[in-house]
N, C-alpha and C. Protein backbone atom coordinates (compact mmCIF):
# COMPACT_ATOMS: atom_id res chain seq x y z
N MET A 1 1.12 -1.18 0.07
CA MET A 1 -0.01 0.12 -0.04
C MET A 1 0.89 1.28 -0.10
N ILE A 2 0.86 2.06 -1.17
CA ILE A 2 1.56 3.05 -1.01
C ILE A 2 0.81 4.56 -0.85
N LEU A 3 0.89 5.35 0.16
CA LEU A 3 0.14 6.19 0.64
C LEU A 3 1.07 7.99 0.58
N ASP A 4 0.54 8.66 0.05
CA ASP A 4 1.64 10.18 -0.08
C ASP A 4 0.55 10.80 0.69
N ASP A 5 1.52 12.11 1.11
CA ASP A 5 1.18 13.54 1.80
C ASP A 5 0.57 12.72 3.36
N LEU A 6 0.99 11.97 3.75
CA LEU A 6 0.88 11.72 5.16
C LEU A 6 0.85 12.68 6.41
N HIS A 7 1.29 13.62 5.78
CA HIS A 7 1.25 15.29 6.99
C HIS A 7 0.10 16.13 6.67
N TRP A 8 -0.44 15.80 5.78
CA TRP A 8 -1.96 16.09 5.92
C TRP A 8 -3.09 15.33 6.00
N ALA A 9 -2.64 14.57 6.45
CA ALA A 9 -3.51 12.93 7.05
C ALA A 9 -4.30 13.80 8.48
N ASP A 10 -5.39 13.50 9.14
CA ASP A 10 -6.11 13.56 10.51
C ASP A 10 -6.13 12.62 11.17
N GLN A 11 -6.39 12.63 12.29
CA GLN A 11 -6.47 11.55 12.81
C GLN A 11 -7.37 10.56 12.93
N PRO A 12 -8.81 10.83 12.04
CA PRO A 12 -9.49 10.00 11.37
C PRO A 12 -8.93 8.65 10.57
N SER A 13 -8.04 9.35 9.49
CA SER A 13 -7.42 8.91 9.07
C SER A 13 -6.25 7.98 9.43
N PHE A 14 -5.60 8.41 10.19
CA PHE A 14 -4.71 7.42 11.19
C PHE A 14 -5.37 6.35 11.92
N ASN A 15 -6.55 6.41 12.18
CA ASN A 15 -7.22 5.36 13.01
C ASN A 15 -7.62 4.45 12.03
N LEU A 16 -8.28 5.04 10.82
CA LEU A 16 -8.06 3.93 9.43
C LEU A 16 -7.28 2.97 9.13
N LEU A 17 -6.18 3.75 9.23
CA LEU A 17 -4.66 3.20 8.64
C LEU A 17 -4.36 2.01 9.70
N GLN A 18 -4.39 2.69 11.23
CA GLN A 18 -4.45 1.71 12.11
C GLN A 18 -5.52 0.31 12.27
N LYS A 19 -6.22 0.27 12.05
CA LYS A 19 -7.44 -0.56 11.88
C LYS A 19 -6.93 -1.64 10.78
N ILE A 20 -6.49 -1.10 9.53
CA ILE A 20 -6.04 -2.13 8.51
C ILE A 20 -5.03 -2.46 8.87
N VAL A 21 -3.93 -1.64 9.76
CA VAL A 21 -2.70 -2.73 10.01
C VAL A 21 -3.05 -3.77 11.39
N ARG A 22 -3.77 -3.58 12.25
CA ARG A 22 -4.37 -4.08 13.13
C ARG A 22 -4.82 -5.77 12.53
N GLU A 23 -5.82 -5.61 11.55
CA GLU A 23 -6.52 -6.54 10.78
C GLU A 23 -5.67 -7.37 10.01
N ARG A 24 -4.46 -6.71 9.48
CA ARG A 24 -3.57 -7.33 9.10
C ARG A 24 -2.61 -8.57 9.73
N LEU A 25 -2.96 -7.96 10.78
CA LEU A 25 -1.75 -8.36 12.04
C LEU A 25 -2.57 -9.60 12.51
N LEU A 26 -3.80 -9.40 12.62
CA LEU A 26 -4.64 -10.33 13.22
C LEU A 26 -5.66 -11.21 12.17
N CYS A 27 -5.18 -11.37 11.36
CA CYS A 27 -6.26 -12.12 10.67
C CYS A 27 -6.24 -13.61 10.35
N ALA A 28 -4.93 -14.02 10.72
CA ALA A 28 -4.51 -15.30 11.19
C ALA A 28 -5.07 -15.77 12.54
N VAL A 29 -5.54 -15.19 13.28
CA VAL A 29 -5.91 -15.36 14.70
C VAL A 29 -7.43 -15.73 14.88
N ARG A 30 -7.88 -16.70 15.08
CA ARG A 30 -9.40 -17.25 15.47
C ARG A 30 -9.86 -16.25 16.61
N PRO A 31 -11.08 -15.94 16.36
CA PRO A 31 -11.58 -14.42 16.89
C PRO A 31 -11.76 -14.96 18.49
N SER A 32 -11.77 -16.74 18.51
CA SER A 32 -11.81 -17.24 20.21
C SER A 32 -10.64 -17.27 20.66
N SER A 33 -9.78 -17.30 20.09
CA SER A 33 -8.17 -17.10 20.65
C SER A 33 -7.91 -16.32 21.66
N PRO A 34 -7.44 -16.83 22.92
CA PRO A 34 -7.12 -16.11 23.86
C PRO A 34 -6.04 -15.16 24.04
N PHE A 35 -5.27 -15.20 22.92
CA PHE A 35 -4.07 -14.43 22.62
C PHE A 35 -4.27 -13.36 21.87
N VAL A 36 -5.37 -12.97 21.23
CA VAL A 36 -6.00 -12.00 20.29
C VAL A 36 -5.52 -10.48 21.10
N ASP A 37 -5.33 -10.55 22.29
CA ASP A 37 -5.07 -9.10 22.40
C ASP A 37 -3.44 -8.57 23.57
N SER A 38 -2.83 -10.16 23.09
CA SER A 38 -1.72 -10.30 23.70
C SER A 38 -0.27 -9.36 22.63
N LEU A 39 0.53 -8.55 23.31
CA LEU A 39 1.51 -7.97 22.76
C LEU A 39 2.46 -8.54 21.93
N SER A 40 2.86 -9.95 23.06
CA SER A 40 4.13 -10.51 22.77
C SER A 40 3.45 -11.39 21.61
N PHE A 41 2.06 -11.53 21.43
CA PHE A 41 1.67 -12.69 20.33
C PHE A 41 2.01 -11.71 18.91
N LEU A 42 1.09 -10.36 19.33
CA LEU A 42 1.31 -9.45 17.69
C LEU A 42 2.80 -9.35 17.27
N ALA A 43 3.74 -9.31 18.77
CA ALA A 43 5.42 -9.14 18.32
C ALA A 43 5.58 -10.42 17.31
N GLN A 44 5.17 -11.83 17.63
CA GLN A 44 5.96 -12.72 17.08
C GLN A 44 4.83 -12.72 15.90
N LEU A 45 4.26 -12.52 15.51
CA LEU A 45 3.24 -12.10 14.39
C LEU A 45 4.10 -11.35 13.34
N CYS A 46 4.31 -10.48 13.91
CA CYS A 46 5.59 -9.32 13.19
C CYS A 46 6.48 -9.76 12.66
N ARG A 47 7.22 -10.69 13.67
CA ARG A 47 8.30 -11.38 13.35
C ARG A 47 8.42 -12.11 12.32
N LYS A 48 7.59 -13.16 12.40
CA LYS A 48 7.07 -14.19 11.65
C LYS A 48 5.88 -14.79 11.31
N PRO A 49 5.85 -13.78 10.28
CA PRO A 49 4.04 -13.68 9.64
C PRO A 49 3.52 -15.36 9.37
N ALA A 50 2.25 -15.63 9.78
CA ALA A 50 1.48 -16.75 9.35
C ALA A 50 1.83 -17.36 8.07
N GLN A 51 1.82 -18.51 7.92
CA GLN A 51 2.04 -19.00 6.21
C GLN A 51 0.82 -18.68 5.43
N ASP A 52 -0.58 -18.44 5.84
CA ASP A 52 -1.37 -18.42 5.28
C ASP A 52 -2.08 -16.87 5.34
N VAL A 53 -0.68 -15.80 5.49
CA VAL A 53 -1.31 -14.74 5.39
C VAL A 53 -0.26 -13.89 4.46
N ALA A 54 -0.87 -13.17 3.66
CA ALA A 54 0.07 -12.53 2.68
C ALA A 54 0.93 -11.33 3.09
N PRO A 55 2.11 -11.32 3.10
CA PRO A 55 2.79 -9.95 3.54
C PRO A 55 2.20 -8.74 3.06
N PHE A 56 2.48 -7.70 4.59
CA PHE A 56 1.86 -6.60 4.06
C PHE A 56 3.14 -5.47 3.91
N PHE A 57 3.08 -4.53 3.15
CA PHE A 57 4.03 -3.43 3.37
C PHE A 57 3.26 -2.22 3.13
N LEU A 58 3.62 -1.04 3.63
CA LEU A 58 3.06 -0.13 3.56
C LEU A 58 4.19 1.20 3.39
N LEU A 59 4.19 1.73 2.04
CA LEU A 59 5.01 2.92 1.82
C LEU A 59 4.38 4.18 2.35
N GLY A 60 4.71 5.01 3.08
CA GLY A 60 4.31 6.56 3.03
C GLY A 60 5.28 7.54 3.09
N GLY A 61 4.78 8.84 2.13
CA GLY A 61 5.55 9.80 2.05
C GLY A 61 5.05 10.91 2.71
N TYR A 62 6.06 11.46 3.40
CA TYR A 62 5.38 13.12 4.17
C TYR A 62 6.65 13.81 4.27
N ARG A 63 6.26 15.07 4.30
CA ARG A 63 7.19 16.42 4.70
C ARG A 63 7.64 16.44 6.15
N ASP A 64 9.11 16.10 6.44
CA ASP A 64 9.48 15.86 7.85
C ASP A 64 9.10 17.69 8.08
N ASN A 65 9.05 18.76 7.61
CA ASN A 65 9.05 20.09 8.20
C ASN A 65 7.41 19.94 8.45
N GLU A 66 6.85 19.46 8.11
CA GLU A 66 5.17 19.31 8.29
C GLU A 66 4.65 18.60 9.71
N VAL A 67 5.32 17.59 9.93
CA VAL A 67 5.47 17.13 11.35
C VAL A 67 6.07 16.85 12.12
N THR A 68 6.65 18.33 12.62
CA THR A 68 7.41 18.49 14.04
C THR A 68 6.84 18.68 15.35
N ASP A 69 5.59 18.98 15.17
CA ASP A 69 4.81 18.61 16.67
C ASP A 69 4.66 16.61 17.23
N PRO A 70 5.30 16.33 17.93
CA PRO A 70 5.11 15.05 18.55
C PRO A 70 3.89 14.34 18.92
N ALA A 71 3.04 15.19 18.85
CA ALA A 71 1.77 15.04 18.91
C ALA A 71 0.98 14.87 17.63
N HIS A 72 1.42 15.11 16.48
CA HIS A 72 0.64 14.96 14.91
C HIS A 72 0.72 13.44 15.00
N PRO A 73 -1.13 13.03 14.60
CA PRO A 73 -1.32 11.79 14.61
C PRO A 73 -0.06 10.92 13.52
N PHE A 74 0.70 11.63 12.73
CA PHE A 74 1.37 10.86 12.46
C PHE A 74 2.44 9.91 13.08
N TRP A 75 3.12 10.88 14.00
CA TRP A 75 4.07 10.57 14.69
C TRP A 75 3.70 9.57 16.04
N MET A 76 2.34 9.84 16.11
CA MET A 76 1.48 9.14 17.02
C MET A 76 1.04 7.56 16.86
N PHE A 77 0.90 7.54 15.57
CA PHE A 77 0.66 6.37 14.58
C PHE A 77 2.32 5.10 14.70
N PHE A 78 3.11 6.54 14.16
CA PHE A 78 4.43 5.13 14.37
C PHE A 78 4.92 5.12 15.57
N GLU A 79 4.59 5.65 16.72
CA GLU A 79 4.76 5.42 18.17
C GLU A 79 3.88 3.92 18.74
N GLU A 80 2.70 3.94 18.03
CA GLU A 80 1.82 2.57 18.28
C GLU A 80 2.68 1.42 17.54
N LEU A 81 2.90 1.87 16.34
CA LEU A 81 3.56 0.48 15.60
C LEU A 81 5.02 0.36 16.28
N ARG A 82 5.87 1.07 16.68
CA ARG A 82 7.06 0.83 17.26
C ARG A 82 6.53 0.04 18.65
N SER A 83 5.49 0.28 19.30
CA SER A 83 5.21 -0.14 20.57
C SER A 83 4.72 -1.53 20.27
N LYS A 84 4.17 -2.35 19.44
CA LYS A 84 4.26 -3.18 19.06
C LYS A 84 5.00 -4.03 18.49
N HIS A 85 6.31 -3.30 18.37
CA HIS A 85 7.67 -4.33 17.58
C HIS A 85 7.38 -4.33 16.24
N ILE A 86 6.68 -3.53 15.45
CA ILE A 86 6.36 -3.57 13.87
C ILE A 86 7.81 -2.77 13.39
N SER A 87 8.30 -3.30 12.69
CA SER A 87 9.45 -2.59 12.21
C SER A 87 9.39 -1.25 10.87
N THR A 88 9.78 -0.28 11.27
CA THR A 88 9.76 0.85 10.43
C THR A 88 10.97 1.28 9.90
N THR A 89 11.13 2.16 9.05
CA THR A 89 12.61 2.65 8.37
C THR A 89 12.44 4.08 7.98
N ASN A 90 12.74 5.10 8.18
CA ASN A 90 12.90 6.29 7.58
C ASN A 90 13.97 6.52 6.55
N ILE A 91 13.79 6.97 5.24
CA ILE A 91 14.54 7.63 4.47
C ILE A 91 14.60 8.90 3.85
N LEU A 92 15.46 9.37 4.19
CA LEU A 92 15.39 10.95 4.06
C LEU A 92 15.71 11.29 2.92
N LEU A 93 15.08 11.89 2.15
CA LEU A 93 15.43 12.35 0.36
C LEU A 93 15.70 13.52 0.96
N GLN A 94 16.90 14.10 -0.05
CA GLN A 94 17.47 15.45 -0.08
C GLN A 94 17.37 15.87 -1.60
N VAL A 95 17.20 17.08 -1.86
CA VAL A 95 17.44 17.80 -3.28
C VAL A 95 18.83 18.31 -3.04
């Protein structure tokens, strides 16, 4: 999934993105599983995806000078990913 201009995204947009990521991580887990809410289980899923779940790659573009506030929904989204041990990489492009 490729998303551009994330610096303009509002909180409801990031809520939807979080829901998509969460569902991709939990789609291999039966709803009755006691591990659905376990962060350690999520971390294991992130490191070693289930064989019946297709890989998920998210590429997002943003202007770093537009998201300087740590309370911006952009940074809150990435902090949530990191708290769940989901690997993220920032690539700085310069002209």
